[in-house]
Amino acid sequence: MDRYAQKRLIRKLDLELFVASLQSQSNPQVQLEQYTTPERVVANMLYIAAYTHGDVIDKSVLDLGCGTGRLGLGAAFLGAAEVVGVDIDPVAIKAAQTNTQKSGLSKCVHLVNSDIATIHGRFDTVLQNPPFGVQNRKADQAFLVKALEVADKIYSIHNHPQVDEQLIRMLKSRGNFVQVLPSPFLGGFIAKYGGDITAVYSMLMSIPKMFGFHRKLRHDFVIDLYVIEKQSKK
């Protein structure tokens, strides 16, 4: 039996409650596309990474664009051996530091206030919810390239390639996630930089009205979680 399977299974509800207890971004910046990842999305993503694929527990985890630390701290809560969180925004890093201290996970969580380009080394797993490239074109691509440079397993959230009202209704009624096909563009891009997509899971993302250009009190849309493996060298 794998080591991660021997660990105590943490209920998804307990993980959601833990994530909900963490401080959110107090002053989100539109140019950085700083949207708080909902508790359910974080829990689904970590459950898939930890319990479906075995890529969190006892692993070294890098949270690129960590914000206030929801993904990285959630990974530590599940049993990651070491977590490094990186974000360019000092305000976000300060909030992540507060969350780390309050959650009692300081021994295994390390935070870096830096651009992701400065990160080097090797990690077992990357978790990331990168900017979708709405404000800064191709911002998500830089995150994918860096993730494939430093890790063998990547869990990365991206915008669904089109508005799919039927999929939105399905996710609202069924909850959690559904498995879908990858975007042809992202499939080609990831392959170009040495990655293989092993699965894509669609989830429902809801964000409240945060910025002046938002027209709705709440916006529901589909996001895709890409599970990626670094191609083995032959």
Protein backbone atom coordinates (compact mmCIF):
# COMPACT_ATOMS: atom_id res chain seq x y z
CA MET A 1 0.00 0.00 0.00
CA ASP A 2 1.27 3.48 -0.84
CA ARG A 3 2.35 5.66 2.08
CA TYR A 4 -0.27 8.33 1.32
CA ALA A 5 -3.02 5.68 1.50
CA GLN A 6 -1.94 4.79 5.02
CA LYS A 7 -2.51 8.30 6.33
CA ARG A 8 -5.69 9.24 8.17
CA LEU A 9 -8.26 10.39 5.66
CA ILE A 10 -9.31 13.98 6.36
CA ARG A 11 -12.93 14.68 5.56
CA LYS A 12 -13.51 17.12 2.73
CA LEU A 13 -15.82 19.13 5.00
CA ASP A 14 -13.03 19.51 7.57
CA LEU A 15 -10.69 20.68 4.81
CA GLU A 16 -13.26 23.22 3.60
CA LEU A 17 -13.73 24.52 7.15
CA PHE A 18 -9.97 24.83 7.58
CA VAL A 19 -9.65 26.80 4.33
CA ALA A 20 -12.63 29.01 5.27
CA SER A 21 -10.86 29.93 8.52
CA LEU A 22 -7.94 31.48 6.62
CA GLN A 23 -7.69 35.22 6.07
CA SER A 24 -8.65 36.37 2.56
CA GLN A 25 -6.98 39.03 0.41
CA SER A 26 -7.85 42.37 2.00
CA ASN A 27 -6.95 44.55 -0.97
CA PRO A 28 -7.15 42.53 -4.20
CA GLN A 29 -5.43 44.03 -7.24
CA VAL A 30 -7.19 43.76 -10.57
CA GLN A 31 -3.93 43.77 -12.58
CA LEU A 32 -2.81 40.65 -10.68
CA GLU A 33 -6.24 39.03 -11.12
CA GLN A 34 -6.44 38.35 -7.39
CA TYR A 35 -9.61 36.39 -6.81
CA THR A 36 -9.99 34.26 -3.69
CA THR A 37 -10.26 30.59 -4.62
CA PRO A 38 -13.52 29.27 -3.07
CA GLU A 39 -13.26 26.69 -0.29
CA ARG A 40 -15.03 24.01 -2.34
CA VAL A 41 -12.67 24.48 -5.29
CA VAL A 42 -9.63 24.28 -3.01
CA ALA A 43 -10.98 21.16 -1.32
CA ASN A 44 -11.80 19.44 -4.62
CA MET A 45 -8.40 20.28 -6.06
CA LEU A 46 -6.51 19.04 -3.01
CA TYR A 47 -8.63 15.91 -2.67
CA ILE A 48 -7.90 15.00 -6.29
CA ALA A 49 -4.19 15.70 -5.84
CA ALA A 50 -3.89 13.94 -2.48
CA TYR A 51 -6.29 11.01 -2.58
CA THR A 52 -6.79 10.27 -6.28
CA HIS A 53 -3.18 10.71 -7.42
CA GLY A 54 -1.12 10.61 -4.22
CA ASP A 55 0.77 13.83 -4.92
CA VAL A 56 0.41 15.77 -1.64
CA ILE A 57 0.95 13.67 1.49
CA ASP A 58 4.65 13.37 2.38
CA LYS A 59 5.53 15.38 -0.75
CA SER A 60 7.36 18.65 -1.33
CA VAL A 61 4.77 21.09 -2.67
CA LEU A 62 5.20 24.44 -4.41
CA ASP A 63 2.26 26.87 -4.44
CA LEU A 64 2.96 29.32 -7.27
CA GLY A 65 1.10 32.62 -6.90
CA CYS A 66 0.07 31.52 -3.42
CA GLY A 67 -1.89 34.63 -2.48
CA THR A 68 -3.00 34.24 1.14
CA GLY A 69 -1.91 30.61 1.15
CA ARG A 70 -5.12 28.63 0.70
CA LEU A 71 -3.73 25.89 -1.57
CA GLY A 72 -0.36 25.55 0.14
CA LEU A 73 -1.74 25.57 3.66
CA GLY A 74 -4.46 23.14 2.63
CA ALA A 75 -1.73 20.81 1.34
CA ALA A 76 0.15 21.13 4.65
CA PHE A 77 -3.09 20.43 6.53
CA LEU A 78 -3.45 17.18 4.56
CA GLY A 79 0.10 16.11 5.36
CA ALA A 80 2.57 17.55 2.84
CA ALA A 81 6.16 17.20 4.06
CA GLU A 82 7.16 20.70 2.95
CA VAL A 83 5.30 23.57 1.30
CA VAL A 84 6.80 26.65 -0.35
CA GLY A 85 4.44 29.48 -1.28
CA VAL A 86 5.51 32.21 -3.70
CA ASP A 87 3.75 35.46 -4.51
CA ILE A 88 4.84 38.80 -5.95
CA ASP A 89 2.40 40.78 -3.78
CA PRO A 90 3.82 41.65 -0.31
CA VAL A 91 0.33 42.24 1.09
CA ALA A 92 -0.74 38.74 0.08
CA ILE A 93 2.43 37.23 1.55
CA LYS A 94 1.83 39.06 4.83
CA ALA A 95 -1.67 37.57 5.01
CA ALA A 96 -0.24 34.13 4.16
CA GLN A 97 2.28 34.51 6.99
CA THR A 98 -0.52 35.34 9.41
CA ASN A 99 -2.51 32.34 8.21
CA THR A 100 0.53 30.08 8.55
CA GLN A 101 1.17 31.16 12.13
CA LYS A 102 -2.47 30.92 13.21
CA SER A 103 -2.85 27.46 11.68
CA GLY A 104 0.25 26.15 13.48
CA LEU A 105 1.93 25.01 10.27
CA SER A 106 5.04 27.21 10.38
CA LYS A 107 7.43 24.25 10.65
CA CYS A 108 6.62 22.92 7.19
CA VAL A 109 5.44 26.05 5.32
CA HIS A 110 7.86 28.62 3.89
CA LEU A 111 6.79 31.78 2.09
CA VAL A 112 8.68 33.82 -0.50
CA ASN A 113 7.77 37.32 -1.69
CA SER A 114 9.08 37.17 -5.23
CA ASP A 115 8.25 36.85 -8.90
CA ILE A 116 7.89 33.20 -9.91
CA ALA A 117 10.78 33.60 -12.38
CA THR A 118 13.25 33.58 -9.46
CA ILE A 119 12.18 30.14 -8.25
CA HIS A 120 14.54 27.24 -8.91
CA GLY A 121 15.08 23.74 -7.55
CA ARG A 122 12.93 20.60 -7.62
CA PHE A 123 9.56 19.85 -6.05
CA ASP A 124 7.35 16.80 -6.17
CA THR A 125 4.18 18.77 -6.88
CA VAL A 126 3.08 22.23 -7.98
CA LEU A 127 -0.35 23.55 -7.02
CA GLN A 128 -1.43 26.77 -8.71
CA ASN A 129 -4.38 28.97 -9.54
CA PRO A 130 -2.56 31.34 -11.89
CA PRO A 131 -3.90 34.55 -13.45
CA PHE A 132 -6.05 33.58 -16.42
CA GLY A 133 -4.41 36.19 -18.65
CA VAL A 134 -7.45 38.47 -18.80
CA GLN A 135 -5.56 41.54 -17.57
CA ASN A 136 -2.07 40.47 -18.60
CA ARG A 137 -2.12 38.33 -21.71
CA LYS A 138 -0.33 34.99 -21.42
CA ALA A 139 0.19 35.36 -17.67
CA ASP A 140 -1.04 31.80 -17.13
CA GLN A 141 1.46 30.47 -19.64
CA ALA A 142 4.41 31.77 -17.61
CA PHE A 143 3.10 29.82 -14.60
CA LEU A 144 2.79 26.62 -16.61
CA VAL A 145 6.33 26.95 -17.99
CA LYS A 146 7.77 27.50 -14.51
CA ALA A 147 5.75 24.62 -13.04
CA LEU A 148 7.00 22.22 -15.70
CA GLU A 149 10.54 23.43 -15.06
CA VAL A 150 10.55 22.63 -11.34
CA ALA A 151 8.13 19.72 -10.74
CA ASP A 152 7.04 16.33 -12.03
CA LYS A 153 3.36 16.73 -11.14
CA ILE A 154 1.32 19.90 -11.67
CA TYR A 155 -2.24 20.80 -10.68
CA SER A 156 -3.19 24.01 -12.44
CA ILE A 157 -6.51 25.88 -12.70
CA HIS A 158 -7.46 27.55 -15.99
CA ASN A 159 -10.49 29.23 -17.48
CA HIS A 160 -12.81 26.92 -19.42
CA PRO A 161 -12.33 27.64 -23.15
CA GLN A 162 -15.92 28.75 -23.74
CA VAL A 163 -19.09 29.72 -21.91
CA ASP A 164 -21.01 26.47 -21.44
CA GLU A 165 -24.40 27.08 -19.86
CA GLN A 166 -25.27 23.38 -19.92
CA LEU A 167 -22.07 22.53 -18.03
CA ILE A 168 -22.78 25.31 -15.52
CA ARG A 169 -26.26 23.88 -14.86
CA MET A 170 -24.80 20.39 -14.49
CA LEU A 171 -22.21 21.55 -11.98
CA LYS A 172 -24.81 23.50 -10.00
CA SER A 173 -27.06 20.46 -9.76
CA ARG A 174 -24.38 17.80 -9.20
CA GLY A 175 -21.75 19.87 -7.39
CA ASN A 176 -18.06 19.03 -7.07
CA PHE A 177 -16.60 18.37 -10.54
CA VAL A 178 -16.92 16.51 -13.84
CA GLN A 179 -14.15 15.18 -16.05
CA VAL A 180 -13.79 16.84 -19.47
CA LEU A 181 -11.45 16.95 -22.44
CA PRO A 182 -8.52 19.40 -22.43
CA SER A 183 -8.45 22.58 -24.45
CA PRO A 184 -6.59 21.92 -27.74
CA PHE A 185 -4.55 25.09 -27.22
CA LEU A 186 -3.47 24.22 -23.67
CA GLY A 187 -2.87 20.64 -24.72
CA GLY A 188 -0.44 21.77 -27.40
CA PHE A 189 1.22 24.36 -25.18
CA ILE A 190 1.77 21.94 -22.31
CA ALA A 191 3.19 19.30 -24.67
CA LYS A 192 5.55 21.89 -26.16
CA TYR A 193 7.10 22.45 -22.73
CA GLY A 194 7.39 18.78 -21.84
CA GLY A 195 4.13 17.96 -20.11
CA ASP A 196 1.44 15.31 -20.53
CA ILE A 197 -2.15 16.03 -19.47
CA THR A 198 -3.48 13.04 -17.55
CA ALA A 199 -6.90 14.47 -16.61
CA VAL A 200 -9.01 17.65 -16.69
CA TYR A 201 -11.77 18.32 -14.16
CA SER A 202 -14.33 21.11 -14.60
CA MET A 203 -15.61 22.89 -11.49
CA LEU A 204 -17.91 25.80 -10.82
CA MET A 205 -16.25 29.05 -9.75
CA SER A 206 -18.25 31.87 -8.19
CA ILE A 207 -16.83 35.29 -7.45
CA PRO A 208 -18.62 38.27 -5.88
CA LYS A 209 -18.61 41.76 -7.35
CA MET A 210 -15.14 43.06 -6.50
CA PHE A 211 -14.13 45.64 -9.11
CA GLY A 212 -15.82 48.53 -10.88
CA PHE A 213 -16.11 46.73 -14.21
CA HIS A 214 -18.06 43.84 -12.64
CA ARG A 215 -21.74 44.04 -13.66
CA LYS A 216 -23.20 41.23 -11.55
CA LEU A 217 -23.33 40.78 -7.78
CA ARG A 218 -22.02 37.27 -8.36
CA HIS A 219 -20.46 35.71 -11.43
CA ASP A 220 -20.64 31.94 -11.98
CA PHE A 221 -18.30 30.39 -14.52
CA VAL A 222 -16.48 27.14 -15.24
CA ILE A 223 -12.84 26.54 -14.44
CA ASP A 224 -10.75 23.52 -15.43
CA LEU A 225 -8.26 21.77 -13.19
CA TYR A 226 -5.44 20.34 -15.32
CA VAL A 227 -3.52 17.36 -13.94
CA ILE A 228 -0.16 17.36 -15.68
CA GLU A 229 2.87 15.08 -15.56
CA LYS A 230 6.35 15.98 -16.68
CA GLN A 231 7.31 13.83 -19.64
CA SER A 232 9.98 11.30 -18.70
CA LYS A 233 13.27 11.61 -20.55
CA LYS A 234 14.05 8.60 -22.69
